[in-house]
mmCIF file of all heavy atoms, coordinates in Angstrom:
data_MODEL
# 
_entry.id   MODEL 
# 
loop_
_atom_site.group_PDB 
_atom_site.id 
_atom_site.type_symbol 
_atom_site.label_atom_id 
_atom_site.label_alt_id 
_atom_site.label_comp_id 
_atom_site.label_asym_id 
_atom_site.label_entity_id 
_atom_site.label_seq_id 
_atom_site.pdbx_PDB_ins_code 
_atom_site.Cartn_x 
_atom_site.Cartn_y 
_atom_site.Cartn_z 
_atom_site.occupancy 
_atom_site.B_iso_or_equiv 
_atom_site.pdbx_formal_charge 
_atom_site.auth_seq_id 
_atom_site.auth_comp_id 
_atom_site.auth_asym_id 
_atom_site.auth_atom_id 
_atom_site.pdbx_PDB_model_num 
ATOM 1   N N   . LEU A 1 1  ? 172.075 122.338 136.938 1.00 0.00 ? 1  LEU A N   1 
ATOM 2   C CA  . LEU A 1 1  ? 171.106 123.425 136.770 1.00 0.00 ? 1  LEU A CA  1 
ATOM 3   C C   . LEU A 1 1  ? 171.761 124.784 137.023 1.00 0.00 ? 1  LEU A C   1 
ATOM 4   O O   . LEU A 1 1  ? 171.500 125.754 136.316 1.00 0.00 ? 1  LEU A O   1 
ATOM 5   C CB  . LEU A 1 1  ? 169.919 123.228 137.716 1.00 0.00 ? 1  LEU A CB  1 
ATOM 6   C CG  . LEU A 1 1  ? 169.029 122.020 137.423 1.00 0.00 ? 1  LEU A CG  1 
ATOM 7   C CD1 . LEU A 1 1  ? 167.986 121.852 138.514 1.00 0.00 ? 1  LEU A CD1 1 
ATOM 8   C CD2 . LEU A 1 1  ? 168.379 122.156 136.068 1.00 0.00 ? 1  LEU A CD2 1 
ATOM 9   N N   . ARG A 1 2  ? 172.635 124.834 138.010 1.00 0.00 ? 2  ARG A N   1 
ATOM 10  C CA  . ARG A 1 2  ? 173.356 126.089 138.276 1.00 0.00 ? 2  ARG A CA  1 
ATOM 11  C C   . ARG A 1 2  ? 174.294 126.430 137.113 1.00 0.00 ? 2  ARG A C   1 
ATOM 12  O O   . ARG A 1 2  ? 174.462 127.602 136.764 1.00 0.00 ? 2  ARG A O   1 
ATOM 13  C CB  . ARG A 1 2  ? 174.105 126.001 139.600 1.00 0.00 ? 2  ARG A CB  1 
ATOM 14  C CG  . ARG A 1 2  ? 173.163 126.116 140.812 1.00 0.00 ? 2  ARG A CG  1 
ATOM 15  C CD  . ARG A 1 2  ? 173.911 126.199 142.124 1.00 0.00 ? 2  ARG A CD  1 
ATOM 16  N NE  . ARG A 1 2  ? 174.592 124.957 142.470 1.00 0.00 ? 2  ARG A NE  1 
ATOM 17  C CZ  . ARG A 1 2  ? 174.015 123.879 142.978 1.00 0.00 ? 2  ARG A CZ  1 
ATOM 18  N NH1 . ARG A 1 2  ? 172.724 123.870 143.218 1.00 0.00 ? 2  ARG A NH1 1 
ATOM 19  N NH2 . ARG A 1 2  ? 174.719 122.801 143.261 1.00 0.00 ? 2  ARG A NH2 1 
ATOM 20  N N   . ALA A 1 3  ? 174.892 125.419 136.488 1.00 0.00 ? 3  ALA A N   1 
ATOM 21  C CA  . ALA A 1 3  ? 175.774 125.660 135.334 1.00 0.00 ? 3  ALA A CA  1 
ATOM 22  C C   . ALA A 1 3  ? 174.969 126.189 134.148 1.00 0.00 ? 3  ALA A C   1 
ATOM 23  O O   . ALA A 1 3  ? 175.445 127.076 133.424 1.00 0.00 ? 3  ALA A O   1 
ATOM 24  C CB  . ALA A 1 3  ? 176.521 124.381 134.953 1.00 0.00 ? 3  ALA A CB  1 
ATOM 25  N N   . VAL A 1 4  ? 173.762 125.676 133.947 1.00 0.00 ? 4  VAL A N   1 
ATOM 26  C CA  . VAL A 1 4  ? 172.906 126.197 132.876 1.00 0.00 ? 4  VAL A CA  1 
ATOM 27  C C   . VAL A 1 4  ? 172.558 127.651 133.181 1.00 0.00 ? 4  VAL A C   1 
ATOM 28  O O   . VAL A 1 4  ? 172.592 128.512 132.303 1.00 0.00 ? 4  VAL A O   1 
ATOM 29  C CB  . VAL A 1 4  ? 171.631 125.346 132.700 1.00 0.00 ? 4  VAL A CB  1 
ATOM 30  C CG1 . VAL A 1 4  ? 170.646 126.019 131.764 1.00 0.00 ? 4  VAL A CG1 1 
ATOM 31  C CG2 . VAL A 1 4  ? 171.975 123.960 132.176 1.00 0.00 ? 4  VAL A CG2 1 
ATOM 32  N N   . GLN A 1 5  ? 172.241 127.910 134.433 1.00 0.00 ? 5  GLN A N   1 
ATOM 33  C CA  . GLN A 1 5  ? 171.918 129.279 134.835 1.00 0.00 ? 5  GLN A CA  1 
ATOM 34  C C   . GLN A 1 5  ? 173.100 130.212 134.543 1.00 0.00 ? 5  GLN A C   1 
ATOM 35  O O   . GLN A 1 5  ? 172.920 131.305 134.013 1.00 0.00 ? 5  GLN A O   1 
ATOM 36  C CB  . GLN A 1 5  ? 171.563 129.316 136.319 1.00 0.00 ? 5  GLN A CB  1 
ATOM 37  C CG  . GLN A 1 5  ? 171.181 130.685 136.816 1.00 0.00 ? 5  GLN A CG  1 
ATOM 38  C CD  . GLN A 1 5  ? 170.904 130.681 138.310 1.00 0.00 ? 5  GLN A CD  1 
ATOM 39  O OE1 . GLN A 1 5  ? 171.422 129.849 139.032 1.00 0.00 ? 5  GLN A OE1 1 
ATOM 40  N NE2 . GLN A 1 5  ? 170.100 131.629 138.743 1.00 0.00 ? 5  GLN A NE2 1 
ATOM 41  N N   . ALA A 1 6  ? 174.308 129.783 134.868 1.00 0.00 ? 6  ALA A N   1 
ATOM 42  C CA  . ALA A 1 6  ? 175.492 130.597 134.590 1.00 0.00 ? 6  ALA A CA  1 
ATOM 43  C C   . ALA A 1 6  ? 175.658 130.818 133.091 1.00 0.00 ? 6  ALA A C   1 
ATOM 44  O O   . ALA A 1 6  ? 175.995 131.921 132.642 1.00 0.00 ? 6  ALA A O   1 
ATOM 45  C CB  . ALA A 1 6  ? 176.737 129.932 135.174 1.00 0.00 ? 6  ALA A CB  1 
ATOM 46  N N   . ALA A 1 7  ? 175.405 129.788 132.291 1.00 0.00 ? 7  ALA A N   1 
ATOM 47  C CA  . ALA A 1 7  ? 175.524 129.920 130.836 1.00 0.00 ? 7  ALA A CA  1 
ATOM 48  C C   . ALA A 1 7  ? 174.494 130.914 130.295 1.00 0.00 ? 7  ALA A C   1 
ATOM 49  O O   . ALA A 1 7  ? 174.776 131.641 129.335 1.00 0.00 ? 7  ALA A O   1 
ATOM 50  C CB  . ALA A 1 7  ? 175.351 128.555 130.166 1.00 0.00 ? 7  ALA A CB  1 
ATOM 51  N N   . LEU A 1 8  ? 173.327 130.960 130.926 1.00 0.00 ? 8  LEU A N   1 
ATOM 52  C CA  . LEU A 1 8  ? 172.301 131.910 130.495 1.00 0.00 ? 8  LEU A CA  1 
ATOM 53  C C   . LEU A 1 8  ? 172.755 133.352 130.689 1.00 0.00 ? 8  LEU A C   1 
ATOM 54  O O   . LEU A 1 8  ? 172.343 134.245 129.952 1.00 0.00 ? 8  LEU A O   1 
ATOM 55  C CB  . LEU A 1 8  ? 171.008 131.692 131.292 1.00 0.00 ? 8  LEU A CB  1 
ATOM 56  C CG  . LEU A 1 8  ? 170.222 130.432 130.988 1.00 0.00 ? 8  LEU A CG  1 
ATOM 57  C CD1 . LEU A 1 8  ? 169.089 130.271 131.987 1.00 0.00 ? 8  LEU A CD1 1 
ATOM 58  C CD2 . LEU A 1 8  ? 169.697 130.470 129.574 1.00 0.00 ? 8  LEU A CD2 1 
ATOM 59  N N   . LEU A 1 9  ? 173.581 133.556 131.676 1.00 0.00 ? 9  LEU A N   1 
ATOM 60  C CA  . LEU A 1 9  ? 174.006 134.918 132.008 1.00 0.00 ? 9  LEU A CA  1 
ATOM 61  C C   . LEU A 1 9  ? 175.230 135.383 131.236 1.00 0.00 ? 9  LEU A C   1 
ATOM 62  O O   . LEU A 1 9  ? 175.627 136.542 131.349 1.00 0.00 ? 9  LEU A O   1 
ATOM 63  C CB  . LEU A 1 9  ? 174.266 135.015 133.518 1.00 0.00 ? 9  LEU A CB  1 
ATOM 64  C CG  . LEU A 1 9  ? 173.033 134.762 134.394 1.00 0.00 ? 9  LEU A CG  1 
ATOM 65  C CD1 . LEU A 1 9  ? 173.418 134.709 135.865 1.00 0.00 ? 9  LEU A CD1 1 
ATOM 66  C CD2 . LEU A 1 9  ? 171.955 135.800 134.131 1.00 0.00 ? 9  LEU A CD2 1 
ATOM 67  N N   . THR A 1 10 ? 175.842 134.477 130.460 1.00 0.00 ? 10 THR A N   1 
ATOM 68  C CA  . THR A 1 10 ? 177.006 134.884 129.667 1.00 0.00 ? 10 THR A CA  1 
ATOM 69  C C   . THR A 1 10 ? 176.548 135.610 128.411 1.00 0.00 ? 10 THR A C   1 
ATOM 70  O O   . THR A 1 10 ? 175.458 135.363 127.897 1.00 0.00 ? 10 THR A O   1 
ATOM 71  C CB  . THR A 1 10 ? 177.883 133.683 129.268 1.00 0.00 ? 10 THR A CB  1 
ATOM 72  O OG1 . THR A 1 10 ? 177.116 132.791 128.470 1.00 0.00 ? 10 THR A OG1 1 
ATOM 73  C CG2 . THR A 1 10 ? 178.426 132.964 130.485 1.00 0.00 ? 10 THR A CG2 1 
ATOM 74  N N   . ASP A 1 11 ? 177.384 136.514 127.948 1.00 0.00 ? 11 ASP A N   1 
ATOM 75  C CA  . ASP A 1 11 ? 177.074 137.222 126.716 1.00 0.00 ? 11 ASP A CA  1 
ATOM 76  C C   . ASP A 1 11 ? 178.321 137.220 125.847 1.00 0.00 ? 11 ASP A C   1 
ATOM 77  O O   . ASP A 1 11 ? 179.341 137.788 126.265 1.00 0.00 ? 11 ASP A O   1 
ATOM 78  C CB  . ASP A 1 11 ? 176.620 138.643 127.013 1.00 0.00 ? 11 ASP A CB  1 
ATOM 79  C CG  . ASP A 1 11 ? 176.041 139.313 125.776 1.00 0.00 ? 11 ASP A CG  1 
ATOM 80  O OD1 . ASP A 1 11 ? 175.556 138.592 124.879 1.00 0.00 ? 11 ASP A OD1 1 
ATOM 81  O OD2 . ASP A 1 11 ? 176.076 140.558 125.721 1.00 0.00 ? 11 ASP A OD2 1 
ATOM 82  N N   . PRO A 1 12 ? 178.345 136.542 124.749 1.00 0.00 ? 12 PRO A N   1 
ATOM 83  C CA  . PRO A 1 12 ? 177.223 135.827 124.160 1.00 0.00 ? 12 PRO A CA  1 
ATOM 84  C C   . PRO A 1 12 ? 176.919 134.528 124.912 1.00 0.00 ? 12 PRO A C   1 
ATOM 85  O O   . PRO A 1 12 ? 177.735 134.029 125.681 1.00 0.00 ? 12 PRO A O   1 
ATOM 86  C CB  . PRO A 1 12 ? 177.705 135.525 122.741 1.00 0.00 ? 12 PRO A CB  1 
ATOM 87  C CG  . PRO A 1 12 ? 179.193 135.483 122.851 1.00 0.00 ? 12 PRO A CG  1 
ATOM 88  C CD  . PRO A 1 12 ? 179.562 136.454 123.943 1.00 0.00 ? 12 PRO A CD  1 
ATOM 89  N N   . PHE A 1 13 ? 175.734 134.008 124.662 1.00 0.00 ? 13 PHE A N   1 
ATOM 90  C CA  . PHE A 1 13 ? 175.283 132.773 125.298 1.00 0.00 ? 13 PHE A CA  1 
ATOM 91  C C   . PHE A 1 13 ? 176.287 131.656 125.043 1.00 0.00 ? 13 PHE A C   1 
ATOM 92  O O   . PHE A 1 13 ? 176.716 131.440 123.916 1.00 0.00 ? 13 PHE A O   1 
ATOM 93  C CB  . PHE A 1 13 ? 173.909 132.399 124.749 1.00 0.00 ? 13 PHE A CB  1 
ATOM 94  C CG  . PHE A 1 13 ? 173.424 131.036 125.152 1.00 0.00 ? 13 PHE A CG  1 
ATOM 95  C CD1 . PHE A 1 13 ? 173.189 130.726 126.483 1.00 0.00 ? 13 PHE A CD1 1 
ATOM 96  C CD2 . PHE A 1 13 ? 173.192 130.060 124.201 1.00 0.00 ? 13 PHE A CD2 1 
ATOM 97  C CE1 . PHE A 1 13 ? 172.747 129.476 126.849 1.00 0.00 ? 13 PHE A CE1 1 
ATOM 98  C CE2 . PHE A 1 13 ? 172.739 128.802 124.562 1.00 0.00 ? 13 PHE A CE2 1 
ATOM 99  C CZ  . PHE A 1 13 ? 172.515 128.516 125.904 1.00 0.00 ? 13 PHE A CZ  1 
ATOM 100 N N   . ASP A 1 14 ? 176.650 130.940 126.093 1.00 0.00 ? 14 ASP A N   1 
ATOM 101 C CA  . ASP A 1 14 ? 177.615 129.843 125.993 1.00 0.00 ? 14 ASP A CA  1 
ATOM 102 C C   . ASP A 1 14 ? 176.862 128.528 125.809 1.00 0.00 ? 14 ASP A C   1 
ATOM 103 O O   . ASP A 1 14 ? 176.618 127.790 126.757 1.00 0.00 ? 14 ASP A O   1 
ATOM 104 C CB  . ASP A 1 14 ? 178.494 129.796 127.247 1.00 0.00 ? 14 ASP A CB  1 
ATOM 105 C CG  . ASP A 1 14 ? 179.653 128.826 127.099 1.00 0.00 ? 14 ASP A CG  1 
ATOM 106 O OD1 . ASP A 1 14 ? 179.681 128.059 126.122 1.00 0.00 ? 14 ASP A OD1 1 
ATOM 107 O OD2 . ASP A 1 14 ? 180.522 128.858 127.992 1.00 0.00 ? 14 ASP A OD2 1 
ATOM 108 N N   . ARG A 1 15 ? 176.485 128.263 124.579 1.00 0.00 ? 15 ARG A N   1 
ATOM 109 C CA  . ARG A 1 15 ? 175.697 127.068 124.274 1.00 0.00 ? 15 ARG A CA  1 
ATOM 110 C C   . ARG A 1 15 ? 176.433 125.788 124.667 1.00 0.00 ? 15 ARG A C   1 
ATOM 111 O O   . ARG A 1 15 ? 175.839 124.858 125.196 1.00 0.00 ? 15 ARG A O   1 
ATOM 112 C CB  . ARG A 1 15 ? 175.339 127.036 122.795 1.00 0.00 ? 15 ARG A CB  1 
ATOM 113 C CG  . ARG A 1 15 ? 174.491 125.820 122.444 1.00 0.00 ? 15 ARG A CG  1 
ATOM 114 C CD  . ARG A 1 15 ? 174.238 125.711 120.958 1.00 0.00 ? 15 ARG A CD  1 
ATOM 115 N NE  . ARG A 1 15 ? 173.523 124.489 120.669 1.00 0.00 ? 15 ARG A NE  1 
ATOM 116 C CZ  . ARG A 1 15 ? 172.231 124.427 120.392 1.00 0.00 ? 15 ARG A CZ  1 
ATOM 117 N NH1 . ARG A 1 15 ? 171.503 125.519 120.367 1.00 0.00 ? 15 ARG A NH1 1 
ATOM 118 N NH2 . ARG A 1 15 ? 171.663 123.268 120.147 1.00 0.00 ? 15 ARG A NH2 1 
ATOM 119 N N   . ALA A 1 16 ? 177.725 125.729 124.411 1.00 0.00 ? 16 ALA A N   1 
ATOM 120 C CA  . ALA A 1 16 ? 178.498 124.515 124.709 1.00 0.00 ? 16 ALA A CA  1 
ATOM 121 C C   . ALA A 1 16 ? 178.466 124.215 126.203 1.00 0.00 ? 16 ALA A C   1 
ATOM 122 O O   . ALA A 1 16 ? 178.307 123.053 126.608 1.00 0.00 ? 16 ALA A O   1 
ATOM 123 C CB  . ALA A 1 16 ? 179.928 124.665 124.220 1.00 0.00 ? 16 ALA A CB  1 
ATOM 124 N N   . ALA A 1 17 ? 178.594 125.236 127.043 1.00 0.00 ? 17 ALA A N   1 
ATOM 125 C CA  . ALA A 1 17 ? 178.549 125.024 128.498 1.00 0.00 ? 17 ALA A CA  1 
ATOM 126 C C   . ALA A 1 17 ? 177.166 124.558 128.929 1.00 0.00 ? 17 ALA A C   1 
ATOM 127 O O   . ALA A 1 17 ? 177.030 123.648 129.758 1.00 0.00 ? 17 ALA A O   1 
ATOM 128 C CB  . ALA A 1 17 ? 178.930 126.306 129.231 1.00 0.00 ? 17 ALA A CB  1 
ATOM 129 N N   . ALA A 1 18 ? 176.135 125.168 128.362 1.00 0.00 ? 18 ALA A N   1 
ATOM 130 C CA  . ALA A 1 18 ? 174.768 124.766 128.706 1.00 0.00 ? 18 ALA A CA  1 
ATOM 131 C C   . ALA A 1 18 ? 174.495 123.336 128.246 1.00 0.00 ? 18 ALA A C   1 
ATOM 132 O O   . ALA A 1 18 ? 173.888 122.543 128.968 1.00 0.00 ? 18 ALA A O   1 
ATOM 133 C CB  . ALA A 1 18 ? 173.761 125.728 128.086 1.00 0.00 ? 18 ALA A CB  1 
ATOM 134 N N   . GLU A 1 19 ? 174.957 123.020 127.059 1.00 0.00 ? 19 GLU A N   1 
ATOM 135 C CA  . GLU A 1 19 ? 174.761 121.669 126.516 1.00 0.00 ? 19 GLU A CA  1 
ATOM 136 C C   . GLU A 1 19 ? 175.473 120.629 127.379 1.00 0.00 ? 19 GLU A C   1 
ATOM 137 O O   . GLU A 1 19 ? 174.918 119.565 127.684 1.00 0.00 ? 19 GLU A O   1 
ATOM 138 C CB  . GLU A 1 19 ? 175.271 121.629 125.077 1.00 0.00 ? 19 GLU A CB  1 
ATOM 139 C CG  . GLU A 1 19 ? 174.843 120.416 124.304 1.00 0.00 ? 19 GLU A CG  1 
ATOM 140 C CD  . GLU A 1 19 ? 175.170 120.547 122.814 1.00 0.00 ? 19 GLU A CD  1 
ATOM 141 O OE1 . GLU A 1 19 ? 175.835 121.510 122.403 1.00 0.00 ? 19 GLU A OE1 1 
ATOM 142 O OE2 . GLU A 1 19 ? 174.744 119.653 122.082 1.00 0.00 ? 19 GLU A OE2 1 
ATOM 143 N N   . ALA A 1 20 ? 176.681 120.922 127.807 1.00 0.00 ? 20 ALA A N   1 
ATOM 144 C CA  . ALA A 1 20 ? 177.433 120.000 128.671 1.00 0.00 ? 20 ALA A CA  1 
ATOM 145 C C   . ALA A 1 20 ? 176.731 119.824 130.014 1.00 0.00 ? 20 ALA A C   1 
ATOM 146 O O   . ALA A 1 20 ? 176.646 118.711 130.546 1.00 0.00 ? 20 ALA A O   1 
ATOM 147 C CB  . ALA A 1 20 ? 178.852 120.517 128.873 1.00 0.00 ? 20 ALA A CB  1 
ATOM 148 N N   . ALA A 1 21 ? 176.208 120.917 130.559 1.00 0.00 ? 21 ALA A N   1 
ATOM 149 C CA  . ALA A 1 21 ? 175.500 120.835 131.833 1.00 0.00 ? 21 ALA A CA  1 
ATOM 150 C C   . ALA A 1 21 ? 174.234 120.000 131.694 1.00 0.00 ? 21 ALA A C   1 
ATOM 151 O O   . ALA A 1 21 ? 173.911 119.182 132.570 1.00 0.00 ? 21 ALA A O   1 
ATOM 152 C CB  . ALA A 1 21 ? 175.161 122.240 132.339 1.00 0.00 ? 21 ALA A CB  1 
ATOM 153 N N   . LEU A 1 22 ? 173.504 120.192 130.614 1.00 0.00 ? 22 LEU A N   1 
ATOM 154 C CA  . LEU A 1 22 ? 172.292 119.393 130.389 1.00 0.00 ? 22 LEU A CA  1 
ATOM 155 C C   . LEU A 1 22 ? 172.647 117.911 130.221 1.00 0.00 ? 22 LEU A C   1 
ATOM 156 O O   . LEU A 1 22 ? 171.911 117.037 130.689 1.00 0.00 ? 22 LEU A O   1 
ATOM 157 C CB  . LEU A 1 22 ? 171.525 119.905 129.168 1.00 0.00 ? 22 LEU A CB  1 
ATOM 158 C CG  . LEU A 1 22 ? 170.842 121.258 129.343 1.00 0.00 ? 22 LEU A CG  1 
ATOM 159 C CD1 . LEU A 1 22 ? 170.273 121.740 128.017 1.00 0.00 ? 22 LEU A CD1 1 
ATOM 160 C CD2 . LEU A 1 22 ? 169.759 121.173 130.397 1.00 0.00 ? 22 LEU A CD2 1 
ATOM 161 N N   . ALA A 1 23 ? 173.758 117.630 129.577 1.00 0.00 ? 23 ALA A N   1 
ATOM 162 C CA  . ALA A 1 23 ? 174.193 116.233 129.419 1.00 0.00 ? 23 ALA A CA  1 
ATOM 163 C C   . ALA A 1 23 ? 174.516 115.623 130.782 1.00 0.00 ? 23 ALA A C   1 
ATOM 164 O O   . ALA A 1 23 ? 174.166 114.466 131.049 1.00 0.00 ? 23 ALA A O   1 
ATOM 165 C CB  . ALA A 1 23 ? 175.402 116.153 128.496 1.00 0.00 ? 23 ALA A CB  1 
ATOM 166 N N   . ARG A 1 24 ? 175.173 116.393 131.655 1.00 0.00 ? 24 ARG A N   1 
ATOM 167 C CA  . ARG A 1 24 ? 175.456 115.889 133.010 1.00 0.00 ? 24 ARG A CA  1 
ATOM 168 C C   . ARG A 1 24 ? 174.161 115.641 133.779 1.00 0.00 ? 24 ARG A C   1 
ATOM 169 O O   . ARG A 1 24 ? 174.033 114.648 134.489 1.00 0.00 ? 24 ARG A O   1 
ATOM 170 C CB  . ARG A 1 24 ? 176.345 116.878 133.775 1.00 0.00 ? 24 ARG A CB  1 
ATOM 171 C CG  . ARG A 1 24 ? 177.775 116.934 133.265 1.00 0.00 ? 24 ARG A CG  1 
ATOM 172 C CD  . ARG A 1 24 ? 178.706 117.699 134.210 1.00 0.00 ? 24 ARG A CD  1 
ATOM 173 N NE  . ARG A 1 24 ? 178.244 119.021 134.579 1.00 0.00 ? 24 ARG A NE  1 
ATOM 174 C CZ  . ARG A 1 24 ? 178.482 120.139 133.897 1.00 0.00 ? 24 ARG A CZ  1 
ATOM 175 N NH1 . ARG A 1 24 ? 179.178 120.088 132.778 1.00 0.00 ? 24 ARG A NH1 1 
ATOM 176 N NH2 . ARG A 1 24 ? 178.047 121.305 134.332 1.00 0.00 ? 24 ARG A NH2 1 
ATOM 177 N N   . SER A 1 25 ? 173.213 116.534 133.626 1.00 0.00 ? 25 SER A N   1 
ATOM 178 C CA  . SER A 1 25 ? 171.921 116.380 134.291 1.00 0.00 ? 25 SER A CA  1 
ATOM 179 C C   . SER A 1 25 ? 171.211 115.115 133.807 1.00 0.00 ? 25 SER A C   1 
ATOM 180 O O   . SER A 1 25 ? 170.668 114.340 134.600 1.00 0.00 ? 25 SER A O   1 
ATOM 181 C CB  . SER A 1 25 ? 171.050 117.610 134.016 1.00 0.00 ? 25 SER A CB  1 
ATOM 182 O OG  . SER A 1 25 ? 169.778 117.469 134.585 1.00 0.00 ? 25 SER A OG  1 
ATOM 183 N N   . ARG A 1 26 ? 171.230 114.884 132.488 1.00 0.00 ? 26 ARG A N   1 
ATOM 184 C CA  . ARG A 1 26 ? 170.605 113.678 131.930 1.00 0.00 ? 26 ARG A CA  1 
ATOM 185 C C   . ARG A 1 26 ? 171.263 112.418 132.463 1.00 0.00 ? 26 ARG A C   1 
ATOM 186 O O   . ARG A 1 26 ? 170.593 111.443 132.794 1.00 0.00 ? 26 ARG A O   1 
ATOM 187 C CB  . ARG A 1 26 ? 170.723 113.694 130.404 1.00 0.00 ? 26 ARG A CB  1 
ATOM 188 C CG  . ARG A 1 26 ? 169.531 114.198 129.680 1.00 0.00 ? 26 ARG A CG  1 
ATOM 189 C CD  . ARG A 1 26 ? 169.576 113.920 128.176 1.00 0.00 ? 26 ARG A CD  1 
ATOM 190 N NE  . ARG A 1 26 ? 170.856 114.151 127.528 1.00 0.00 ? 26 ARG A NE  1 
ATOM 191 C CZ  . ARG A 1 26 ? 171.285 115.326 127.089 1.00 0.00 ? 26 ARG A CZ  1 
ATOM 192 N NH1 . ARG A 1 26 ? 170.549 116.398 127.248 1.00 0.00 ? 26 ARG A NH1 1 
ATOM 193 N NH2 . ARG A 1 26 ? 172.459 115.442 126.499 1.00 0.00 ? 26 ARG A NH2 1 
ATOM 194 N N   . ALA A 1 27 ? 172.589 112.422 132.544 1.00 0.00 ? 27 ALA A N   1 
ATOM 195 C CA  . ALA A 1 27 ? 173.311 111.245 133.030 1.00 0.00 ? 27 ALA A CA  1 
ATOM 196 C C   . ALA A 1 27 ? 172.949 110.967 134.490 1.00 0.00 ? 27 ALA A C   1 
ATOM 197 O O   . ALA A 1 27 ? 172.716 109.809 134.861 1.00 0.00 ? 27 ALA A O   1 
ATOM 198 C CB  . ALA A 1 27 ? 174.819 111.450 132.884 1.00 0.00 ? 27 ALA A CB  1 
ATOM 199 N N   . SER A 1 28 ? 172.883 112.007 135.301 1.00 0.00 ? 28 SER A N   1 
ATOM 200 C CA  . SER A 1 28 ? 172.525 111.817 136.713 1.00 0.00 ? 28 SER A CA  1 
ATOM 201 C C   . SER A 1 28 ? 171.089 111.347 136.850 1.00 0.00 ? 28 SER A C   1 
ATOM 202 O O   . SER A 1 28 ? 170.788 110.466 137.656 1.00 0.00 ? 28 SER A O   1 
ATOM 203 C CB  . SER A 1 28 ? 172.731 113.115 137.497 1.00 0.00 ? 28 SER A CB  1 
ATOM 204 O OG  . SER A 1 28 ? 174.102 113.418 137.575 1.00 0.00 ? 28 SER A OG  1 
ATOM 205 N N   . ALA A 1 29 ? 170.186 111.925 136.056 1.00 0.00 ? 29 ALA A N   1 
ATOM 206 C CA  . ALA A 1 29 ? 168.787 111.496 136.101 1.00 0.00 ? 29 ALA A CA  1 
ATOM 207 C C   . ALA A 1 29 ? 168.669 110.030 135.685 1.00 0.00 ? 29 ALA A C   1 
ATOM 208 O O   . ALA A 1 29 ? 167.901 109.262 136.267 1.00 0.00 ? 29 ALA A O   1 
ATOM 209 C CB  . ALA A 1 29 ? 167.933 112.384 135.195 1.00 0.00 ? 29 ALA A CB  1 
# 
């Protein structure tokens, strides 16, 4: 979740980082 938050603050938006973080979150869940 913190990695997604960091990706939100990048300009331009770092979709790949957010996507990877969400994938890690899904795996842990």
